[in-house]
Amino acid sequence: MSKGIFFKAFNLVAITAIATSFTISGITLAEPTMLHANAIKVWNVDSARQEAFNGAQGVIDTWGYSGKDPNYKLHKAAISKNSRYVLDSLITNFNTGEYGVSKKCDVQSYYYDGSNGGLLIIQVNTSAAFSDGKSCDSNLPVRGLRYTFPEGKLFQASFTVSEDESFVYASNGTLISHWIKDKCFDANGSSCGTRKAHYEGHWKQPE
């Protein structure tokens, strides 16, 4: 499966939405907007987009990254059993066949091809994507910049405002998806996929 097909369904929107619009390259797109109060800050599609791309690098050096998941067999076995945790990592399984790995207290996450464990995407976060709440903390909101492997080009930007809600944008700023818990909606409010184990305990590992 290509990255385009995978990441078209890669992130989610709200059960209740407010229709808004924005223009890129002369094209006006309707977007579903979920307002979320995070402390004193209220996030919507536009404000989350601004934060997602704030200071983003267009290209990173991918030298030194392994092109394969070093624990591929272990992770696939866990996925087949619907296990959320493997060793010190959280596994996110997508309905498109790919899966993500977030290692505890690591600011980087990795997305792999489920058929062979090949590395597809490197995500660089502003805070640990997976925390035990003791040795490290995940400070919300969290920005995640996704880069293709091996090219190292900015592919997507995400902005997670709570354990349940996140926005994902293409590199040109177009909303791809708005996730609420395990459900994904695109810019037109249509369903664009599901995920397992990602939002449940994503920020804190249970005792």
N, C-alpha and C. Protein backbone atom coordinates (compact mmCIF):
# COMPACT_ATOMS: atom_id res chain seq x y z
N MET A 1 0.85 -1.20 0.00
CA MET A 1 0.00 0.00 0.00
C MET A 1 0.87 1.23 0.00
N SER A 2 0.53 2.22 -0.79
CA SER A 2 1.34 3.42 -0.90
C SER A 2 1.13 4.33 0.29
N LYS A 3 2.11 5.25 0.49
CA LYS A 3 1.98 6.21 1.57
C LYS A 3 0.76 7.08 1.36
N GLY A 4 0.46 7.39 0.10
CA GLY A 4 -0.68 8.25 -0.18
C GLY A 4 -1.98 7.64 0.27
N ILE A 5 -2.16 6.34 0.00
CA ILE A 5 -3.39 5.66 0.41
C ILE A 5 -3.44 5.54 1.93
N PHE A 6 -2.30 5.18 2.51
CA PHE A 6 -2.25 5.01 3.96
C PHE A 6 -2.57 6.31 4.67
N PHE A 7 -1.89 7.37 4.33
CA PHE A 7 -2.04 8.59 5.10
C PHE A 7 -3.25 9.42 4.70
N LYS A 8 -3.92 9.04 3.65
CA LYS A 8 -5.21 9.66 3.38
C LYS A 8 -6.18 9.28 4.48
N ALA A 9 -6.00 8.07 5.01
CA ALA A 9 -6.87 7.59 6.07
C ALA A 9 -6.20 7.67 7.43
N PHE A 10 -5.15 8.45 7.54
CA PHE A 10 -4.29 8.34 8.71
C PHE A 10 -4.72 9.17 9.90
N ASN A 11 -5.65 10.09 9.84
CA ASN A 11 -5.99 10.80 11.06
C ASN A 11 -7.40 11.41 11.19
N LEU A 12 -8.41 12.48 12.35
CA LEU A 12 -9.84 12.23 12.68
C LEU A 12 -10.77 13.34 13.12
N VAL A 13 -12.00 13.19 12.98
CA VAL A 13 -12.86 14.34 13.26
C VAL A 13 -13.99 14.08 14.18
N ALA A 14 -14.74 14.97 14.39
CA ALA A 14 -15.59 15.01 15.51
C ALA A 14 -16.93 14.39 15.30
N ILE A 15 -17.51 14.02 16.38
CA ILE A 15 -18.86 13.53 16.32
C ILE A 15 -19.78 14.73 16.10
N THR A 16 -19.43 15.87 16.63
CA THR A 16 -20.16 17.11 16.33
C THR A 16 -19.17 18.09 15.71
N ALA A 17 -19.55 18.73 14.64
CA ALA A 17 -18.61 19.61 13.94
C ALA A 17 -19.28 20.89 13.51
N ILE A 18 -18.48 21.94 13.35
CA ILE A 18 -18.96 23.22 12.85
C ILE A 18 -18.30 23.43 11.50
N ALA A 19 -19.06 23.72 10.47
CA ALA A 19 -18.49 23.87 9.13
C ALA A 19 -17.78 25.21 9.02
N THR A 20 -16.52 25.17 8.57
CA THR A 20 -15.76 26.38 8.29
C THR A 20 -15.12 26.18 6.93
N SER A 21 -14.34 27.14 6.46
CA SER A 21 -13.65 26.97 5.19
C SER A 21 -12.35 27.74 5.20
N PHE A 22 -11.42 27.36 4.30
CA PHE A 22 -10.19 28.10 4.11
C PHE A 22 -9.77 27.94 2.66
N THR A 23 -8.85 28.77 2.21
CA THR A 23 -8.47 28.76 0.80
C THR A 23 -6.98 28.50 0.65
N ILE A 24 -6.62 27.54 -0.19
CA ILE A 24 -5.24 27.27 -0.56
C ILE A 24 -5.18 27.19 -2.07
N SER A 25 -4.28 27.96 -2.66
CA SER A 25 -4.12 27.98 -4.11
C SER A 25 -5.44 28.25 -4.83
N GLY A 26 -6.24 29.15 -4.27
CA GLY A 26 -7.47 29.55 -4.92
C GLY A 26 -8.63 28.60 -4.76
N ILE A 27 -8.41 27.48 -4.02
CA ILE A 27 -9.47 26.50 -3.84
C ILE A 27 -9.99 26.60 -2.41
N THR A 28 -11.28 26.77 -2.28
CA THR A 28 -11.88 26.86 -0.95
C THR A 28 -12.38 25.49 -0.53
N LEU A 29 -11.93 25.06 0.64
CA LEU A 29 -12.30 23.75 1.14
C LEU A 29 -13.08 23.89 2.43
N ALA A 30 -14.16 23.13 2.53
CA ALA A 30 -14.91 23.12 3.78
C ALA A 30 -14.20 22.20 4.75
N GLU A 31 -14.14 22.60 6.02
CA GLU A 31 -13.51 21.77 7.02
C GLU A 31 -14.43 21.61 8.22
N PRO A 32 -14.44 20.42 8.81
CA PRO A 32 -15.14 20.25 10.08
C PRO A 32 -14.27 20.79 11.19
N THR A 33 -14.83 21.49 12.11
CA THR A 33 -14.07 22.09 13.19
C THR A 33 -14.64 21.66 14.52
N MET A 34 -13.79 21.12 15.38
CA MET A 34 -14.19 20.81 16.73
C MET A 34 -13.45 21.75 17.65
N LEU A 35 -14.17 22.49 18.47
CA LEU A 35 -13.53 23.36 19.43
C LEU A 35 -13.15 22.55 20.65
N HIS A 36 -11.93 22.79 21.14
CA HIS A 36 -11.46 22.06 22.30
C HIS A 36 -10.80 23.02 23.25
N ALA A 37 -11.25 23.05 24.47
CA ALA A 37 -10.67 23.95 25.46
C ALA A 37 -9.53 23.24 26.16
N ASN A 38 -8.32 23.74 25.99
CA ASN A 38 -7.16 23.19 26.66
C ASN A 38 -6.65 24.28 27.59
N ALA A 39 -6.92 24.14 28.88
CA ALA A 39 -6.63 25.19 29.85
C ALA A 39 -7.39 26.44 29.41
N ILE A 40 -6.66 27.55 29.09
CA ILE A 40 -7.34 28.77 28.69
C ILE A 40 -7.32 28.93 27.17
N LYS A 41 -6.75 27.98 26.47
CA LYS A 41 -6.63 28.06 25.01
C LYS A 41 -7.71 27.22 24.36
N VAL A 42 -8.41 27.80 23.38
CA VAL A 42 -9.41 27.08 22.62
C VAL A 42 -8.85 26.81 21.23
N TRP A 43 -8.82 25.54 20.82
CA TRP A 43 -8.23 25.15 19.55
C TRP A 43 -9.32 24.84 18.52
N ASN A 44 -9.07 25.26 17.27
CA ASN A 44 -9.92 24.84 16.16
C ASN A 44 -9.01 24.49 14.99
N VAL A 45 -9.56 24.21 13.85
CA VAL A 45 -8.76 23.77 12.71
C VAL A 45 -7.70 24.79 12.33
N ASP A 46 -8.04 26.07 12.35
CA ASP A 46 -7.11 27.11 11.93
C ASP A 46 -6.00 27.37 12.96
N SER A 47 -6.38 27.47 14.22
CA SER A 47 -5.36 27.75 15.24
C SER A 47 -4.44 26.55 15.43
N ALA A 48 -4.98 25.33 15.31
CA ALA A 48 -4.15 24.13 15.41
C ALA A 48 -3.18 24.05 14.24
N ARG A 49 -3.63 24.46 13.05
CA ARG A 49 -2.76 24.47 11.86
C ARG A 49 -1.56 25.40 12.07
N GLN A 50 -1.83 26.56 12.59
CA GLN A 50 -0.76 27.54 12.81
C GLN A 50 0.30 26.98 13.75
N GLU A 51 -0.13 26.35 14.82
CA GLU A 51 0.82 25.77 15.78
C GLU A 51 1.54 24.57 15.19
N ALA A 52 0.84 23.78 14.40
CA ALA A 52 1.44 22.57 13.83
C ALA A 52 2.64 22.89 12.96
N PHE A 53 2.59 24.01 12.22
CA PHE A 53 3.66 24.35 11.29
C PHE A 53 4.63 25.40 11.83
N ASN A 54 4.44 25.83 13.04
CA ASN A 54 5.29 26.87 13.62
C ASN A 54 6.74 26.38 13.75
N GLY A 55 7.64 26.98 12.97
CA GLY A 55 9.05 26.63 13.01
C GLY A 55 9.41 25.29 12.39
N ALA A 56 8.51 24.71 11.60
CA ALA A 56 8.75 23.39 11.02
C ALA A 56 9.87 23.40 9.98
N GLN A 57 10.73 22.38 10.00
CA GLN A 57 11.76 22.19 8.98
C GLN A 57 11.16 21.43 7.80
N GLY A 58 11.51 21.84 6.59
CA GLY A 58 10.98 21.17 5.41
C GLY A 58 11.65 19.86 5.11
N VAL A 59 12.90 19.69 5.56
CA VAL A 59 13.68 18.49 5.28
C VAL A 59 14.52 18.14 6.51
N ILE A 60 14.67 16.86 6.79
CA ILE A 60 15.57 16.41 7.85
C ILE A 60 16.53 15.37 7.28
N ASP A 61 17.64 15.15 7.98
CA ASP A 61 18.62 14.14 7.59
C ASP A 61 18.18 12.80 8.16
N THR A 62 17.96 11.82 7.31
CA THR A 62 17.51 10.51 7.78
C THR A 62 18.66 9.49 7.87
N TRP A 63 19.87 9.98 7.69
CA TRP A 63 21.02 9.06 7.80
C TRP A 63 21.06 8.49 9.22
N GLY A 64 21.30 7.23 9.34
CA GLY A 64 21.40 6.59 10.65
C GLY A 64 20.12 5.91 11.11
N TYR A 65 19.01 6.17 10.41
CA TYR A 65 17.76 5.50 10.76
C TYR A 65 17.71 4.13 10.08
N SER A 66 17.26 3.14 10.80
CA SER A 66 17.09 1.81 10.22
C SER A 66 15.87 1.81 9.32
N GLY A 67 15.99 1.19 8.15
CA GLY A 67 14.88 1.13 7.21
C GLY A 67 13.86 0.06 7.55
N LYS A 68 14.12 -0.74 8.59
CA LYS A 68 13.22 -1.82 8.99
C LYS A 68 12.92 -1.72 10.48
N ASP A 69 11.76 -2.18 10.86
CA ASP A 69 11.41 -2.27 12.27
C ASP A 69 12.25 -3.37 12.90
N PRO A 70 13.13 -3.04 13.86
CA PRO A 70 13.99 -4.07 14.45
C PRO A 70 13.23 -5.10 15.27
N ASN A 71 11.98 -4.77 15.66
CA ASN A 71 11.16 -5.71 16.43
C ASN A 71 9.89 -6.08 15.66
N TYR A 72 10.04 -6.22 14.35
CA TYR A 72 8.88 -6.45 13.48
C TYR A 72 8.06 -7.66 13.91
N LYS A 73 8.68 -8.81 14.11
CA LYS A 73 7.95 -10.03 14.45
C LYS A 73 7.25 -9.88 15.80
N LEU A 74 7.93 -9.27 16.74
CA LEU A 74 7.36 -9.06 18.06
C LEU A 74 6.15 -8.13 17.99
N HIS A 75 6.28 -7.04 17.23
CA HIS A 75 5.18 -6.08 17.11
C HIS A 75 3.99 -6.69 16.37
N LYS A 76 4.25 -7.45 15.31
CA LYS A 76 3.15 -8.07 14.57
C LYS A 76 2.43 -9.12 15.42
N ALA A 77 3.18 -9.83 16.23
CA ALA A 77 2.56 -10.82 17.11
C ALA A 77 1.66 -10.12 18.13
N ALA A 78 2.12 -8.98 18.63
CA ALA A 78 1.33 -8.22 19.59
C ALA A 78 0.06 -7.69 18.94
N ILE A 79 0.18 -7.20 17.71
CA ILE A 79 -0.98 -6.68 16.98
C ILE A 79 -2.01 -7.77 16.75
N SER A 80 -1.55 -8.96 16.42
CA SER A 80 -2.47 -10.08 16.16
C SER A 80 -3.25 -10.47 17.41
N LYS A 81 -2.68 -10.12 18.58
CA LYS A 81 -3.35 -10.42 19.86
C LYS A 81 -4.05 -9.20 20.44
N ASN A 82 -4.07 -8.11 19.65
CA ASN A 82 -4.67 -6.85 20.10
C ASN A 82 -3.99 -6.29 21.35
N SER A 83 -2.69 -6.57 21.48
CA SER A 83 -1.93 -6.03 22.60
C SER A 83 -1.52 -4.59 22.31
N ARG A 84 -1.59 -3.74 23.30
CA ARG A 84 -1.26 -2.33 23.13
C ARG A 84 0.20 -2.03 23.40
N TYR A 85 0.81 -2.82 24.29
CA TYR A 85 2.17 -2.53 24.72
C TYR A 85 3.10 -3.69 24.42
N VAL A 86 4.30 -3.35 23.95
CA VAL A 86 5.35 -4.33 23.72
C VAL A 86 6.63 -3.76 24.33
N LEU A 87 7.17 -4.48 25.30
CA LEU A 87 8.35 -3.98 26.00
C LEU A 87 8.06 -2.58 26.53
N ASP A 88 8.80 -1.58 26.08
CA ASP A 88 8.58 -0.21 26.55
C ASP A 88 7.97 0.66 25.46
N SER A 89 7.20 0.07 24.57
CA SER A 89 6.63 0.81 23.44
C SER A 89 5.11 0.65 23.38
N LEU A 90 4.47 1.67 22.82
CA LEU A 90 3.04 1.63 22.55
C LEU A 90 2.84 1.40 21.06
N ILE A 91 1.97 0.45 20.71
CA ILE A 91 1.73 0.10 19.32
C ILE A 91 0.37 0.63 18.88
N THR A 92 0.33 1.30 17.74
CA THR A 92 -0.91 1.79 17.15
C THR A 92 -1.14 1.04 15.85
N ASN A 93 -2.25 0.34 15.75
CA ASN A 93 -2.54 -0.44 14.56
C ASN A 93 -3.64 0.24 13.76
N PHE A 94 -3.39 0.53 12.48
CA PHE A 94 -4.36 1.20 11.62
C PHE A 94 -5.08 0.20 10.73
N ASN A 95 -6.32 0.52 10.38
CA ASN A 95 -7.12 -0.40 9.57
C ASN A 95 -6.59 -0.55 8.16
N THR A 96 -5.64 0.29 7.76
CA THR A 96 -5.05 0.20 6.42
C THR A 96 -3.88 -0.78 6.37
N GLY A 97 -3.50 -1.35 7.53
CA GLY A 97 -2.44 -2.35 7.54
C GLY A 97 -1.12 -1.86 8.09
N GLU A 98 -0.95 -0.55 8.22
CA GLU A 98 0.28 -0.02 8.78
C GLU A 98 0.16 0.08 10.30
N TYR A 99 1.28 0.31 10.96
CA TYR A 99 1.26 0.45 12.41
C TYR A 99 2.33 1.45 12.86
N GLY A 100 2.07 2.03 14.02
CA GLY A 100 3.01 3.00 14.57
C GLY A 100 3.62 2.49 15.86
N VAL A 101 4.84 2.93 16.13
CA VAL A 101 5.54 2.55 17.36
C VAL A 101 6.02 3.81 18.07
N SER A 102 5.58 3.98 19.31
CA SER A 102 6.04 5.09 20.14
C SER A 102 6.75 4.52 21.35
N LYS A 103 8.04 4.74 21.43
CA LYS A 103 8.82 4.22 22.55
C LYS A 103 8.70 5.17 23.74
N LYS A 104 8.61 4.61 24.92
CA LYS A 104 8.43 5.41 26.13
C LYS A 104 9.50 6.48 26.27
N CYS A 105 9.05 7.71 26.47
CA CYS A 105 9.91 8.88 26.72
C CYS A 105 10.73 9.32 25.51
N ASP A 106 10.45 8.75 24.35
CA ASP A 106 11.15 9.15 23.11
C ASP A 106 10.32 10.21 22.40
N VAL A 107 10.95 11.27 21.93
CA VAL A 107 10.22 12.33 21.23
C VAL A 107 9.99 11.99 19.77
N GLN A 108 10.47 10.84 19.33
CA GLN A 108 10.22 10.41 17.96
C GLN A 108 9.33 9.17 17.94
N SER A 109 8.47 9.10 16.93
CA SER A 109 7.62 7.94 16.69
C SER A 109 7.89 7.44 15.28
N TYR A 110 7.54 6.17 15.00
CA TYR A 110 7.86 5.57 13.71
C TYR A 110 6.64 4.83 13.18
N TYR A 111 6.43 4.93 11.88
CA TYR A 111 5.31 4.26 11.23
C TYR A 111 5.84 3.30 10.17
N TYR A 112 5.35 2.06 10.22
CA TYR A 112 5.90 0.99 9.40
C TYR A 112 4.84 0.36 8.50
N ASP A 113 5.33 -0.24 7.41
CA ASP A 113 4.50 -1.04 6.51
C ASP A 113 4.21 -2.37 7.21
N GLY A 114 2.92 -2.66 7.41
CA GLY A 114 2.56 -3.87 8.13
C GLY A 114 2.93 -5.16 7.43
N SER A 115 3.14 -5.11 6.12
CA SER A 115 3.43 -6.34 5.38
C SER A 115 4.88 -6.77 5.48
N ASN A 116 5.79 -5.83 5.75
CA ASN A 116 7.21 -6.20 5.77
C ASN A 116 8.04 -5.45 6.82
N GLY A 117 7.42 -4.55 7.58
CA GLY A 117 8.15 -3.82 8.61
C GLY A 117 9.03 -2.70 8.09
N GLY A 118 8.85 -2.34 6.82
CA GLY A 118 9.65 -1.25 6.26
C GLY A 118 9.25 0.10 6.84
N LEU A 119 10.24 0.94 7.14
CA LEU A 119 9.98 2.26 7.71
C LEU A 119 9.38 3.17 6.65
N LEU A 120 8.25 3.80 6.98
CA LEU A 120 7.58 4.71 6.06
C LEU A 120 7.74 6.16 6.49
N ILE A 121 7.53 6.40 7.78
CA ILE A 121 7.47 7.77 8.28
C ILE A 121 8.20 7.89 9.61
N ILE A 122 8.95 8.98 9.76
CA ILE A 122 9.57 9.36 11.03
C ILE A 122 8.81 10.57 11.55
N GLN A 123 8.32 10.50 12.77
CA GLN A 123 7.61 11.63 13.35
C GLN A 123 8.42 12.22 14.49
N VAL A 124 8.67 13.53 14.41
CA VAL A 124 9.42 14.24 15.44
C VAL A 124 8.44 15.06 16.26
N ASN A 125 8.34 14.77 17.54
CA ASN A 125 7.37 15.41 18.42
C ASN A 125 8.02 16.46 19.31
N THR A 126 7.23 17.39 19.81
CA THR A 126 7.74 18.39 20.73
C THR A 126 7.76 17.88 22.16
N SER A 127 7.16 16.72 22.41
CA SER A 127 7.16 16.10 23.72
C SER A 127 7.02 14.60 23.51
N ALA A 128 7.36 13.83 24.52
CA ALA A 128 7.27 12.38 24.40
C ALA A 128 5.86 11.96 24.01
N ALA A 129 5.75 11.11 23.00
CA ALA A 129 4.44 10.65 22.53
C ALA A 129 3.85 9.59 23.45
N PHE A 130 4.69 8.99 24.28
CA PHE A 130 4.24 7.94 25.18
C PHE A 130 4.99 8.08 26.49
N SER A 131 4.26 8.24 27.59
CA SER A 131 4.87 8.51 28.89
C SER A 131 4.33 7.57 29.94
N ASP A 132 5.18 7.25 30.92
CA ASP A 132 4.71 6.47 32.06
C ASP A 132 4.27 7.39 33.20
N GLY A 133 4.41 8.70 33.00
CA GLY A 133 4.00 9.67 34.01
C GLY A 133 4.97 9.79 35.17
N LYS A 134 6.10 9.09 35.08
CA LYS A 134 7.09 9.11 36.16
C LYS A 134 8.45 9.58 35.65
N SER A 135 9.05 8.79 34.77
CA SER A 135 10.38 9.14 34.27
C SER A 135 10.34 10.23 33.20
N CYS A 136 9.17 10.47 32.65
CA CYS A 136 9.01 11.54 31.67
C CYS A 136 7.54 11.93 31.61
N ASP A 137 7.26 13.08 31.06
CA ASP A 137 5.89 13.56 30.93
C ASP A 137 5.61 13.91 29.48
N SER A 138 4.36 13.76 29.08
CA SER A 138 3.90 14.24 27.78
C SER A 138 3.09 15.50 28.04
N ASN A 139 3.62 16.61 27.59
CA ASN A 139 2.98 17.90 27.85
C ASN A 139 2.10 18.30 26.68
N LEU A 140 0.80 18.23 26.88
CA LEU A 140 -0.14 18.62 25.84
C LEU A 140 -0.32 20.12 25.82
N PRO A 141 -0.55 20.70 24.65
CA PRO A 141 -0.63 20.04 23.33
C PRO A 141 0.75 19.67 22.79
N VAL A 142 0.78 18.71 21.87
CA VAL A 142 2.02 18.21 21.28
C VAL A 142 1.97 18.35 19.76
N ARG A 143 3.02 18.90 19.19
CA ARG A 143 3.14 18.98 17.73
C ARG A 143 3.98 17.81 17.24
N GLY A 144 3.56 17.20 16.13
CA GLY A 144 4.33 16.13 15.52
C GLY A 144 4.56 16.41 14.05
N LEU A 145 5.81 16.40 13.62
CA LEU A 145 6.16 16.62 12.21
C LEU A 145 6.56 15.29 11.60
N ARG A 146 5.89 14.91 10.51
CA ARG A 146 6.10 13.62 9.89
C ARG A 146 6.91 13.77 8.61
N TYR A 147 7.98 12.97 8.52
CA TYR A 147 8.89 13.03 7.39
C TYR A 147 8.96 11.68 6.70
N THR A 148 9.01 11.71 5.37
CA THR A 148 9.10 10.47 4.61
C THR A 148 10.48 9.85 4.78
N PHE A 149 10.52 8.54 4.70
CA PHE A 149 11.79 7.82 4.71
C PHE A 149 11.93 7.07 3.39
N PRO A 150 13.08 7.17 2.74
CA PRO A 150 14.34 7.77 3.21
C PRO A 150 14.54 9.23 2.80
N GLU A 151 13.57 9.85 2.11
CA GLU A 151 13.78 11.19 1.54
C GLU A 151 13.97 12.27 2.61
N GLY A 152 13.29 12.12 3.74
CA GLY A 152 13.40 13.11 4.80
C GLY A 152 12.60 14.37 4.54
N LYS A 153 11.59 14.30 3.66
CA LYS A 153 10.79 15.48 3.33
C LYS A 153 9.56 15.57 4.23
N LEU A 154 9.22 16.80 4.62
CA LEU A 154 8.04 17.00 5.45
C LEU A 154 6.82 16.50 4.69
N PHE A 155 6.09 15.61 5.32
CA PHE A 155 4.96 14.95 4.69
C PHE A 155 3.64 15.41 5.30
N GLN A 156 3.62 15.49 6.62
CA GLN A 156 2.43 15.91 7.35
C GLN A 156 2.85 16.58 8.65
N ALA A 157 1.91 17.34 9.21
CA ALA A 157 2.09 17.91 10.54
C ALA A 157 0.85 17.59 11.35
N SER A 158 1.04 17.19 12.59
CA SER A 158 -0.10 16.89 13.46
C SER A 158 -0.04 17.78 14.69
N PHE A 159 -1.20 17.99 15.28
CA PHE A 159 -1.26 18.77 16.50
C PHE A 159 -2.27 18.09 17.42
N THR A 160 -1.78 17.54 18.52
CA THR A 160 -2.61 16.80 19.46
C THR A 160 -2.96 17.70 20.63
N VAL A 161 -4.24 17.95 20.82
CA VAL A 161 -4.67 18.89 21.85
C VAL A 161 -5.16 18.20 23.11
N SER A 162 -5.45 16.90 23.02
CA SER A 162 -5.86 16.13 24.20
C SER A 162 -5.60 14.67 23.92
N GLU A 163 -5.83 13.83 24.90
CA GLU A 163 -5.65 12.40 24.70
C GLU A 163 -6.60 11.85 23.65
N ASP A 164 -7.70 12.53 23.42
CA ASP A 164 -8.73 12.04 22.51
C ASP A 164 -8.73 12.71 21.15
N GLU A 165 -8.13 13.89 21.04
CA GLU A 165 -8.34 14.71 19.84
C GLU A 165 -7.02 15.19 19.23
N SER A 166 -6.94 15.08 17.90
CA SER A 166 -5.77 15.60 17.19
C SER A 166 -6.16 16.00 15.77
N PHE A 167 -5.38 16.94 15.22
CA PHE A 167 -5.56 17.42 13.85
C PHE A 167 -4.35 17.00 13.04
N VAL A 168 -4.56 16.64 11.78
CA VAL A 168 -3.46 16.27 10.89
C VAL A 168 -3.59 17.03 9.58
N TYR A 169 -2.47 17.58 9.12
CA TYR A 169 -2.46 18.42 7.92
C TYR A 169 -1.42 17.91 6.92
N ALA A 170 -1.71 18.11 5.64
CA ALA A 170 -0.72 17.86 4.60
C ALA A 170 0.34 18.96 4.68
N SER A 171 1.46 18.76 4.00
CA SER A 171 2.55 19.73 4.08
C SER A 171 2.17 21.09 3.53
N ASN A 172 1.10 21.19 2.72
CA ASN A 172 0.66 22.49 2.20
C ASN A 172 -0.40 23.14 3.10
N GLY A 173 -0.69 22.52 4.24
CA GLY A 173 -1.63 23.10 5.19
C GLY A 173 -3.05 22.59 5.10
N THR A 174 -3.35 21.77 4.11
CA THR A 174 -4.70 21.23 3.96
C THR A 174 -5.01 20.23 5.07
N LEU A 175 -6.17 20.36 5.69
CA LEU A 175 -6.58 19.40 6.70
C LEU A 175 -6.80 18.03 6.06
N ILE A 176 -6.11 17.03 6.57
CA ILE A 176 -6.30 15.66 6.10
C ILE A 176 -7.32 14.95 6.96
N SER A 177 -7.16 15.11 8.26
CA SER A 177 -8.05 14.39 9.16
C SER A 177 -8.06 15.01 10.53
N HIS A 178 -9.11 14.73 11.22
CA HIS A 178 -9.32 15.20 12.58
C HIS A 178 -9.78 13.99 13.36
N TRP A 179 -8.92 13.55 14.30
CA TRP A 179 -9.20 12.34 15.06
C TRP A 179 -9.91 12.67 16.36
N ILE A 180 -10.96 11.92 16.66
CA ILE A 180 -11.58 11.91 17.97
C ILE A 180 -11.61 10.46 18.43
N LYS A 181 -10.82 10.18 19.43
CA LYS A 181 -10.66 8.81 19.91
C LYS A 181 -10.24 7.91 18.76
N ASP A 182 -11.04 6.89 18.41
CA ASP A 182 -10.60 5.92 17.41
C ASP A 182 -11.16 6.19 16.02
N LYS A 183 -11.84 7.32 15.82
CA LYS A 183 -12.49 7.59 14.54
C LYS A 183 -11.88 8.78 13.82
N CYS A 184 -11.84 8.65 12.49
CA CYS A 184 -11.22 9.66 11.63
C CYS A 184 -12.23 10.25 10.67
N PHE A 185 -12.18 11.57 10.49
CA PHE A 185 -13.02 12.26 9.52
C PHE A 185 -12.14 13.18 8.67
N ASP A 186 -12.46 13.28 7.39
CA ASP A 186 -11.67 14.12 6.50
C ASP A 186 -12.24 15.54 6.47
N ALA A 187 -11.72 16.37 5.55
CA ALA A 187 -12.12 17.77 5.47
C ALA A 187 -13.57 17.97 5.09
N ASN A 188 -14.18 16.94 4.53
CA ASN A 188 -15.60 17.02 4.16
C ASN A 188 -16.51 16.41 5.22
N GLY A 189 -15.93 15.95 6.31
CA GLY A 189 -16.71 15.34 7.37
C GLY A 189 -17.00 13.88 7.16
N SER A 190 -16.38 13.28 6.13
CA SER A 190 -16.60 11.86 5.85
C SER A 190 -15.62 11.00 6.64
N SER A 191 -16.01 9.79 6.95
CA SER A 191 -15.14 8.87 7.68
C SER A 191 -13.91 8.55 6.84
N CYS A 192 -12.75 8.52 7.47
CA CYS A 192 -11.52 8.20 6.74
C CYS A 192 -10.69 7.14 7.45
N GLY A 193 -11.31 6.34 8.29
CA GLY A 193 -10.57 5.23 8.88
C GLY A 193 -10.73 5.13 10.38
N THR A 194 -10.06 4.13 10.93
CA THR A 194 -10.08 3.89 12.37
C THR A 194 -8.69 3.49 12.82
N ARG A 195 -8.50 3.47 14.11
CA ARG A 195 -7.23 3.03 14.68
C ARG A 195 -7.52 2.32 15.99
N LYS A 196 -6.59 1.46 16.43
CA LYS A 196 -6.76 0.75 17.69
C LYS A 196 -5.58 1.05 18.60
N ALA A 197 -5.89 1.19 19.89
CA ALA A 197 -4.88 1.31 20.95
C ALA A 197 -4.15 2.63 20.96
N HIS A 198 -4.48 3.54 20.04
CA HIS A 198 -3.72 4.78 19.98
C HIS A 198 -4.14 5.74 21.07
N TYR A 199 -5.42 5.99 21.18
CA TYR A 199 -5.85 7.01 22.12
C TYR A 199 -6.04 6.47 23.53
N GLU A 200 -6.24 5.18 23.66
CA GLU A 200 -6.45 4.61 24.98
C GLU A 200 -5.12 4.46 25.70
N GLY A 201 -4.89 5.30 26.71
CA GLY A 201 -3.65 5.22 27.46
C GLY A 201 -2.45 5.70 26.68
N HIS A 202 -2.68 6.52 25.66
CA HIS A 202 -1.56 6.94 24.81
C HIS A 202 -0.54 7.76 25.59
N TRP A 203 -1.01 8.51 26.56
CA TRP A 203 -0.10 9.40 27.27
C TRP A 203 0.42 8.83 28.57
N LYS A 204 -0.31 7.88 29.14
CA LYS A 204 0.14 7.30 30.41
C LYS A 204 -0.05 5.79 30.37
N GLN A 205 1.03 5.07 30.67
CA GLN A 205 0.93 3.61 30.73
C GLN A 205 0.26 3.21 32.04
N PRO A 206 -0.72 2.29 32.01
CA PRO A 206 -1.39 1.88 33.24
C PRO A 206 -0.44 1.18 34.19
N GLU A 207 -0.77 1.26 35.45
CA GLU A 207 0.05 0.59 36.48
C GLU A 207 -0.05 -0.92 36.31
